[in-house]
Amino acid sequence: MDGAPPAKMTYSRLSAAMIIIDHTEVPDALRGKGVGKALVARVVEDARRDGFKIVPLCPFAKSVFQKTPEWADVLR
């Protein structure tokens, strides 16, 4: 959306085999449009491709994982 700040996700890499998602932020103008879930989905794709596991400490990311059981293969 023009003029809206970007959506973002922050994470910490614990090792080559594991990351922690610690924050997901979506501006009000983009909420409810699937942008946050798309951020998490991208990390899931990366984890599958690169062979690492994800610890979702961010409450939003954690809730998305709970609602998306097909992503359980990348959870730690």
PDB file of N, CA and C in Angstrom:
ATOM      1  N   MET A   1       0.850  -1.174   0.000  1.00  0.00           N
ATOM      2  CA  MET A   1       0.000   0.000   0.000  1.00  0.00           C
ATOM      3  C   MET A   1       0.894   1.235   0.000  1.00  0.00           C
ATOM      4  N   ASP A   2       0.621   2.189  -0.849  1.00  0.00           N
ATOM      5  CA  ASP A   2       1.447   3.385  -0.957  1.00  0.00           C
ATOM      6  C   ASP A   2       1.465   4.164   0.346  1.00  0.00           C
ATOM      7  N   GLY A   3       2.655   4.562   0.768  1.00  0.00           N
ATOM      8  CA  GLY A   3       2.820   5.371   1.961  1.00  0.00           C
ATOM      9  C   GLY A   3       2.814   4.605   3.266  1.00  0.00           C
ATOM     10  N   ALA A   4       2.413   3.349   3.256  1.00  0.00           N
ATOM     11  CA  ALA A   4       2.395   2.557   4.488  1.00  0.00           C
ATOM     12  C   ALA A   4       3.812   2.105   4.811  1.00  0.00           C
ATOM     13  N   PRO A   5       4.173   2.136   6.098  1.00  0.00           N
ATOM     14  CA  PRO A   5       5.485   1.594   6.457  1.00  0.00           C
ATOM     15  C   PRO A   5       5.516   0.095   6.136  1.00  0.00           C
ATOM     16  N   PRO A   6       6.685  -0.462   5.953  1.00  0.00           N
ATOM     17  CA  PRO A   6       6.760  -1.878   5.589  1.00  0.00           C
ATOM     18  C   PRO A   6       6.417  -2.796   6.763  1.00  0.00           C
ATOM     19  N   ALA A   7       5.899  -3.956   6.429  1.00  0.00           N
ATOM     20  CA  ALA A   7       5.726  -5.009   7.426  1.00  0.00           C
ATOM     21  C   ALA A   7       7.106  -5.603   7.674  1.00  0.00           C
ATOM     22  N   LYS A   8       7.321  -6.117   8.877  1.00  0.00           N
ATOM     23  CA  LYS A   8       8.642  -6.692   9.157  1.00  0.00           C
ATOM     24  C   LYS A   8       8.561  -7.807  10.189  1.00  0.00           C
ATOM     25  N   MET A   9       9.593  -8.622  10.155  1.00  0.00           N
ATOM     26  CA  MET A   9       9.758  -9.692  11.117  1.00  0.00           C
ATOM     27  C   MET A   9      11.215  -9.683  11.556  1.00  0.00           C
ATOM     28  N   THR A  10      11.423  -9.873  12.846  1.00  0.00           N
ATOM     29  CA  THR A  10      12.799  -9.989  13.321  1.00  0.00           C
ATOM     30  C   THR A  10      12.993 -11.384  13.907  1.00  0.00           C
ATOM     31  N   TYR A  11      14.213 -11.848  13.793  1.00  0.00           N
ATOM     32  CA  TYR A  11      14.544 -13.174  14.308  1.00  0.00           C
ATOM     33  C   TYR A  11      15.993 -13.183  14.759  1.00  0.00           C
ATOM     34  N   SER A  12      16.298 -14.165  15.573  1.00  0.00           N
ATOM     35  CA  SER A  12      17.672 -14.397  16.026  1.00  0.00           C
ATOM     36  C   SER A  12      18.099 -15.767  15.546  1.00  0.00           C
ATOM     37  N   ARG A  13      19.284 -15.872  15.043  1.00  0.00           N
ATOM     38  CA  ARG A  13      19.812 -17.163  14.613  1.00  0.00           C
ATOM     39  C   ARG A  13      20.592 -17.769  15.772  1.00  0.00           C
ATOM     40  N   LEU A  14      20.113 -18.904  16.262  1.00  0.00           N
ATOM     41  CA  LEU A  14      20.801 -19.604  17.343  1.00  0.00           C
ATOM     42  C   LEU A  14      21.958 -20.435  16.814  1.00  0.00           C
ATOM     43  N   SER A  15      21.772 -20.964  15.625  1.00  0.00           N
ATOM     44  CA  SER A  15      22.795 -21.789  14.985  1.00  0.00           C
ATOM     45  C   SER A  15      22.400 -21.926  13.525  1.00  0.00           C
ATOM     46  N   ALA A  16      23.191 -22.664  12.778  1.00  0.00           N
ATOM     47  CA  ALA A  16      22.840 -22.902  11.375  1.00  0.00           C
ATOM     48  C   ALA A  16      21.554 -23.712  11.270  1.00  0.00           C
ATOM     49  N   ALA A  17      21.186 -24.371  12.355  1.00  0.00           N
ATOM     50  CA  ALA A  17      20.032 -25.261  12.332  1.00  0.00           C
ATOM     51  C   ALA A  17      18.788 -24.709  13.025  1.00  0.00           C
ATOM     52  N   MET A  18      18.849 -23.467  13.570  1.00  0.00           N
ATOM     53  CA  MET A  18      17.704 -22.982  14.319  1.00  0.00           C
ATOM     54  C   MET A  18      17.640 -21.455  14.384  1.00  0.00           C
ATOM     55  N   ILE A  19      16.400 -20.931  14.216  1.00  0.00           N
ATOM     56  CA  ILE A  19      16.165 -19.500  14.433  1.00  0.00           C
ATOM     57  C   ILE A  19      15.012 -19.327  15.416  1.00  0.00           C
ATOM     58  N   ILE A  20      14.970 -18.151  16.042  1.00  0.00           N
ATOM     59  CA  ILE A  20      13.851 -17.757  16.893  1.00  0.00           C
ATOM     60  C   ILE A  20      13.183 -16.556  16.228  1.00  0.00           C
ATOM     61  N   ILE A  21      11.894 -16.676  15.927  1.00  0.00           N
ATOM     62  CA  ILE A  21      11.134 -15.505  15.472  1.00  0.00           C
ATOM     63  C   ILE A  21      10.726 -14.755  16.729  1.00  0.00           C
ATOM     64  N   ASP A  22      11.229 -13.525  16.887  1.00  0.00           N
ATOM     65  CA  ASP A  22      10.932 -12.799  18.122  1.00  0.00           C
ATOM     66  C   ASP A  22       9.970 -11.636  17.941  1.00  0.00           C
ATOM     67  N   HIS A  23       9.704 -11.212  16.700  1.00  0.00           N
ATOM     68  CA  HIS A  23       8.781 -10.087  16.520  1.00  0.00           C
ATOM     69  C   HIS A  23       8.264 -10.052  15.089  1.00  0.00           C
ATOM     70  N   THR A  24       6.971  -9.812  14.961  1.00  0.00           N
ATOM     71  CA  THR A  24       6.343  -9.594  13.664  1.00  0.00           C
ATOM     72  C   THR A  24       5.526  -8.318  13.786  1.00  0.00           C
ATOM     73  N   GLU A  25       5.682  -7.431  12.823  1.00  0.00           N
ATOM     74  CA  GLU A  25       4.974  -6.149  12.883  1.00  0.00           C
ATOM     75  C   GLU A  25       4.362  -5.828  11.518  1.00  0.00           C
ATOM     76  N   VAL A  26       3.068  -5.557  11.539  1.00  0.00           N
ATOM     77  CA  VAL A  26       2.342  -5.197  10.321  1.00  0.00           C
ATOM     78  C   VAL A  26       1.645  -3.862  10.582  1.00  0.00           C
ATOM     79  N   PRO A  27       1.874  -2.858   9.741  1.00  0.00           N
ATOM     80  CA  PRO A  27       1.221  -1.567   9.945  1.00  0.00           C
ATOM     81  C   PRO A  27      -0.301  -1.691   9.838  1.00  0.00           C
ATOM     82  N   ASP A  28      -0.989  -0.798  10.525  1.00  0.00           N
ATOM     83  CA  ASP A  28      -2.455  -0.832  10.547  1.00  0.00           C
ATOM     84  C   ASP A  28      -3.058  -0.893   9.149  1.00  0.00           C
ATOM     85  N   ALA A  29      -2.504  -0.171   8.208  1.00  0.00           N
ATOM     86  CA  ALA A  29      -3.059  -0.125   6.852  1.00  0.00           C
ATOM     87  C   ALA A  29      -3.014  -1.481   6.148  1.00  0.00           C
ATOM     88  N   LEU A  30      -2.167  -2.397   6.631  1.00  0.00           N
ATOM     89  CA  LEU A  30      -2.021  -3.709   5.992  1.00  0.00           C
ATOM     90  C   LEU A  30      -2.633  -4.845   6.808  1.00  0.00           C
ATOM     91  N   ARG A  31      -3.148  -4.540   7.977  1.00  0.00           N
ATOM     92  CA  ARG A  31      -3.701  -5.602   8.837  1.00  0.00           C
ATOM     93  C   ARG A  31      -4.935  -6.228   8.213  1.00  0.00           C
ATOM     94  N   GLY A  32      -5.083  -7.519   8.480  1.00  0.00           N
ATOM     95  CA  GLY A  32      -6.237  -8.243   7.973  1.00  0.00           C
ATOM     96  C   GLY A  32      -6.127  -8.635   6.509  1.00  0.00           C
ATOM     97  N   LYS A  33      -4.978  -8.451   5.920  1.00  0.00           N
ATOM     98  CA  LYS A  33      -4.791  -8.759   4.501  1.00  0.00           C
ATOM     99  C   LYS A  33      -3.851  -9.942   4.278  1.00  0.00           C
ATOM    100  N   GLY A  34      -3.486 -10.630   5.343  1.00  0.00           N
ATOM    101  CA  GLY A  34      -2.627 -11.799   5.208  1.00  0.00           C
ATOM    102  C   GLY A  34      -1.145 -11.497   5.121  1.00  0.00           C
ATOM    103  N   VAL A  35      -0.763 -10.252   5.369  1.00  0.00           N
ATOM    104  CA  VAL A  35       0.643  -9.862   5.238  1.00  0.00           C
ATOM    105  C   VAL A  35       1.501 -10.533   6.311  1.00  0.00           C
ATOM    106  N   GLY A  36       1.026 -10.545   7.546  1.00  0.00           N
ATOM    107  CA  GLY A  36       1.784 -11.185   8.629  1.00  0.00           C
ATOM    108  C   GLY A  36       1.982 -12.669   8.370  1.00  0.00           C
ATOM    109  N   LYS A  37       0.916 -13.337   7.949  1.00  0.00           N
ATOM    110  CA  LYS A  37       1.028 -14.766   7.648  1.00  0.00           C
ATOM    111  C   LYS A  37       1.990 -14.998   6.488  1.00  0.00           C
ATOM    112  N   ALA A  38       1.992 -14.086   5.517  1.00  0.00           N
ATOM    113  CA  ALA A  38       2.922 -14.221   4.390  1.00  0.00           C
ATOM    114  C   ALA A  38       4.371 -14.129   4.854  1.00  0.00           C
ATOM    115  N   LEU A  39       4.635 -13.266   5.834  1.00  0.00           N
ATOM    116  CA  LEU A  39       5.994 -13.176   6.387  1.00  0.00           C
ATOM    117  C   LEU A  39       6.411 -14.505   7.019  1.00  0.00           C
ATOM    118  N   VAL A  40       5.497 -15.072   7.813  1.00  0.00           N
ATOM    119  CA  VAL A  40       5.798 -16.351   8.470  1.00  0.00           C
ATOM    120  C   VAL A  40       5.952 -17.453   7.415  1.00  0.00           C
ATOM    121  N   ALA A  41       5.088 -17.439   6.415  1.00  0.00           N
ATOM    122  CA  ALA A  41       5.165 -18.455   5.355  1.00  0.00           C
ATOM    123  C   ALA A  41       6.511 -18.412   4.642  1.00  0.00           C
ATOM    124  N   ARG A  42       7.034 -17.221   4.434  1.00  0.00           N
ATOM    125  CA  ARG A  42       8.339 -17.099   3.771  1.00  0.00           C
ATOM    126  C   ARG A  42       9.444 -17.745   4.604  1.00  0.00           C
ATOM    127  N   VAL A  43       9.392 -17.547   5.918  1.00  0.00           N
ATOM    128  CA  VAL A  43      10.395 -18.162   6.786  1.00  0.00           C
ATOM    129  C   VAL A  43      10.246 -19.692   6.770  1.00  0.00           C
ATOM    130  N   VAL A  44       9.016 -20.164   6.716  1.00  0.00           N
ATOM    131  CA  VAL A  44       8.785 -21.611   6.614  1.00  0.00           C
ATOM    132  C   VAL A  44       9.407 -22.153   5.329  1.00  0.00           C
ATOM    133  N   GLU A  45       9.197 -21.462   4.216  1.00  0.00           N
ATOM    134  CA  GLU A  45       9.807 -21.882   2.949  1.00  0.00           C
ATOM    135  C   GLU A  45      11.331 -21.911   3.053  1.00  0.00           C
ATOM    136  N   ASP A  46      11.887 -20.865   3.649  1.00  0.00           N
ATOM    137  CA  ASP A  46      13.343 -20.805   3.819  1.00  0.00           C
ATOM    138  C   ASP A  46      13.842 -21.951   4.695  1.00  0.00           C
ATOM    139  N   ALA A  47      13.101 -22.240   5.771  1.00  0.00           N
ATOM    140  CA  ALA A  47      13.501 -23.318   6.684  1.00  0.00           C
ATOM    141  C   ALA A  47      13.499 -24.662   5.966  1.00  0.00           C
ATOM    142  N   ARG A  48      12.484 -24.897   5.183  1.00  0.00           N
ATOM    143  CA  ARG A  48      12.425 -26.164   4.434  1.00  0.00           C
ATOM    144  C   ARG A  48      13.548 -26.256   3.417  1.00  0.00           C
ATOM    145  N   ARG A  49      13.796 -25.180   2.725  1.00  0.00           N
ATOM    146  CA  ARG A  49      14.850 -25.176   1.699  1.00  0.00           C
ATOM    147  C   ARG A  49      16.236 -25.328   2.318  1.00  0.00           C
ATOM    148  N   ASP A  50      16.481 -24.601   3.428  1.00  0.00           N
ATOM    149  CA  ASP A  50      17.820 -24.546   4.012  1.00  0.00           C
ATOM    150  C   ASP A  50      18.031 -25.498   5.184  1.00  0.00           C
ATOM    151  N   GLY A  51      16.976 -26.195   5.608  1.00  0.00           N
ATOM    152  CA  GLY A  51      17.119 -27.221   6.630  1.00  0.00           C
ATOM    153  C   GLY A  51      17.279 -26.721   8.052  1.00  0.00           C
ATOM    154  N   PHE A  52      16.618 -25.630   8.411  1.00  0.00           N
ATOM    155  CA  PHE A  52      16.674 -25.194   9.803  1.00  0.00           C
ATOM    156  C   PHE A  52      15.300 -25.277  10.451  1.00  0.00           C
ATOM    157  N   LYS A  53      15.266 -25.231  11.772  1.00  0.00           N
ATOM    158  CA  LYS A  53      14.029 -25.277  12.550  1.00  0.00           C
ATOM    159  C   LYS A  53      13.717 -23.884  13.086  1.00  0.00           C
ATOM    160  N   ILE A  54      12.451 -23.675  13.454  1.00  0.00           N
ATOM    161  CA  ILE A  54      11.962 -22.373  13.900  1.00  0.00           C
ATOM    162  C   ILE A  54      11.364 -22.484  15.295  1.00  0.00           C
ATOM    163  N   VAL A  55      11.732 -21.547  16.160  1.00  0.00           N
ATOM    164  CA  VAL A  55      11.115 -21.393  17.476  1.00  0.00           C
ATOM    165  C   VAL A  55      10.318 -20.081  17.410  1.00  0.00           C
ATOM    166  N   PRO A  56       8.979 -20.147  17.374  1.00  0.00           N
ATOM    167  CA  PRO A  56       8.183 -18.924  17.254  1.00  0.00           C
ATOM    168  C   PRO A  56       7.860 -18.324  18.631  1.00  0.00           C
ATOM    169  N   LEU A  57       8.721 -17.458  19.136  1.00  0.00           N
ATOM    170  CA  LEU A  57       8.449 -16.791  20.414  1.00  0.00           C
ATOM    171  C   LEU A  57       7.487 -15.622  20.253  1.00  0.00           C
ATOM    172  N   CYS A  58       7.461 -15.012  19.098  1.00  0.00           N
ATOM    173  CA  CYS A  58       6.529 -13.922  18.810  1.00  0.00           C
ATOM    174  C   CYS A  58       5.093 -14.467  18.930  1.00  0.00           C
ATOM    175  N   PRO A  59       4.238 -13.806  19.714  1.00  0.00           N
ATOM    176  CA  PRO A  59       2.864 -14.303  19.876  1.00  0.00           C
ATOM    177  C   PRO A  59       2.104 -14.459  18.555  1.00  0.00           C
ATOM    178  N   PHE A  60       2.284 -13.523  17.628  1.00  0.00           N
ATOM    179  CA  PHE A  60       1.602 -13.644  16.338  1.00  0.00           C
ATOM    180  C   PHE A  60       2.102 -14.876  15.580  1.00  0.00           C
ATOM    181  N   ALA A  61       3.414 -15.014  15.453  1.00  0.00           N
ATOM    182  CA  ALA A  61       3.974 -16.159  14.724  1.00  0.00           C
ATOM    183  C   ALA A  61       3.557 -17.470  15.383  1.00  0.00           C
ATOM    184  N   LYS A  62       3.570 -17.492  16.696  1.00  0.00           N
ATOM    185  CA  LYS A  62       3.158 -18.702  17.423  1.00  0.00           C
ATOM    186  C   LYS A  62       1.713 -19.063  17.096  1.00  0.00           C
ATOM    187  N   SER A  63       0.824 -18.059  17.048  1.00  0.00           N
ATOM    188  CA  SER A  63      -0.576 -18.334  16.738  1.00  0.00           C
ATOM    189  C   SER A  63      -0.750 -18.812  15.292  1.00  0.00           C
ATOM    190  N   VAL A  64       0.037 -18.277  14.371  1.00  0.00           N
ATOM    191  CA  VAL A  64      -0.041 -18.715  12.981  1.00  0.00           C
ATOM    192  C   VAL A  64       0.404 -20.177  12.877  1.00  0.00           C
ATOM    193  N   PHE A  65       1.470 -20.546  13.578  1.00  0.00           N
ATOM    194  CA  PHE A  65       1.911 -21.938  13.564  1.00  0.00           C
ATOM    195  C   PHE A  65       0.848 -22.857  14.155  1.00  0.00           C
ATOM    196  N   GLN A  66       0.186 -22.415  15.213  1.00  0.00           N
ATOM    197  CA  GLN A  66      -0.862 -23.248  15.827  1.00  0.00           C
ATOM    198  C   GLN A  66      -2.038 -23.452  14.878  1.00  0.00           C
ATOM    199  N   LYS A  67      -2.311 -22.475  14.023  1.00  0.00           N
ATOM    200  CA  LYS A  67      -3.417 -22.562  13.072  1.00  0.00           C
ATOM    201  C   LYS A  67      -3.024 -23.225  11.760  1.00  0.00           C
ATOM    202  N   THR A  68      -1.748 -23.537  11.598  1.00  0.00           N
ATOM    203  CA  THR A  68      -1.249 -24.091  10.338  1.00  0.00           C
ATOM    204  C   THR A  68      -0.445 -25.364  10.633  1.00  0.00           C
ATOM    205  N   PRO A  69      -1.139 -26.454  10.941  1.00  0.00           N
ATOM    206  CA  PRO A  69      -0.435 -27.682  11.341  1.00  0.00           C
ATOM    207  C   PRO A  69       0.482 -28.259  10.271  1.00  0.00           C
ATOM    208  N   GLU A  70       0.258 -27.914   9.007  1.00  0.00           N
ATOM    209  CA  GLU A  70       1.127 -28.430   7.949  1.00  0.00           C
ATOM    210  C   GLU A  70       2.534 -27.841   8.005  1.00  0.00           C
ATOM    211  N   TRP A  71       2.759 -26.874   8.880  1.00  0.00           N
ATOM    212  CA  TRP A  71       4.093 -26.304   9.071  1.00  0.00           C
ATOM    213  C   TRP A  71       4.844 -26.937  10.245  1.00  0.00           C
ATOM    214  N   ALA A  72       4.254 -27.928  10.873  1.00  0.00           N
ATOM    215  CA  ALA A  72       4.862 -28.538  12.061  1.00  0.00           C
ATOM    216  C   ALA A  72       6.243 -29.121  11.784  1.00  0.00           C
ATOM    217  N   ASP A  73       6.540 -29.464  10.545  1.00  0.00           N
ATOM    218  CA  ASP A  73       7.827 -30.070  10.221  1.00  0.00           C
ATOM    219  C   ASP A  73       9.011 -29.138  10.451  1.00  0.00           C
ATOM    220  N   VAL A  74       8.776 -27.829  10.510  1.00  0.00           N
ATOM    221  CA  VAL A  74       9.883 -26.890  10.720  1.00  0.00           C
ATOM    222  C   VAL A  74       9.926 -26.345  12.147  1.00  0.00           C
ATOM    223  N   LEU A  75       8.995 -26.777  12.997  1.00  0.00           N
ATOM    224  CA  LEU A  75       8.984 -26.318  14.389  1.00  0.00           C
ATOM    225  C   LEU A  75      10.009 -27.045  15.234  1.00  0.00           C
ATOM    226  N   ARG A  76      10.557 -26.338  16.149  1.00  0.00           N
ATOM    227  CA  ARG A  76      11.484 -26.922  17.138  1.00  0.00           C
ATOM    228  C   ARG A  76      10.772 -26.937  18.455  1.00  0.00           C
TER     229      ARG A  76
END
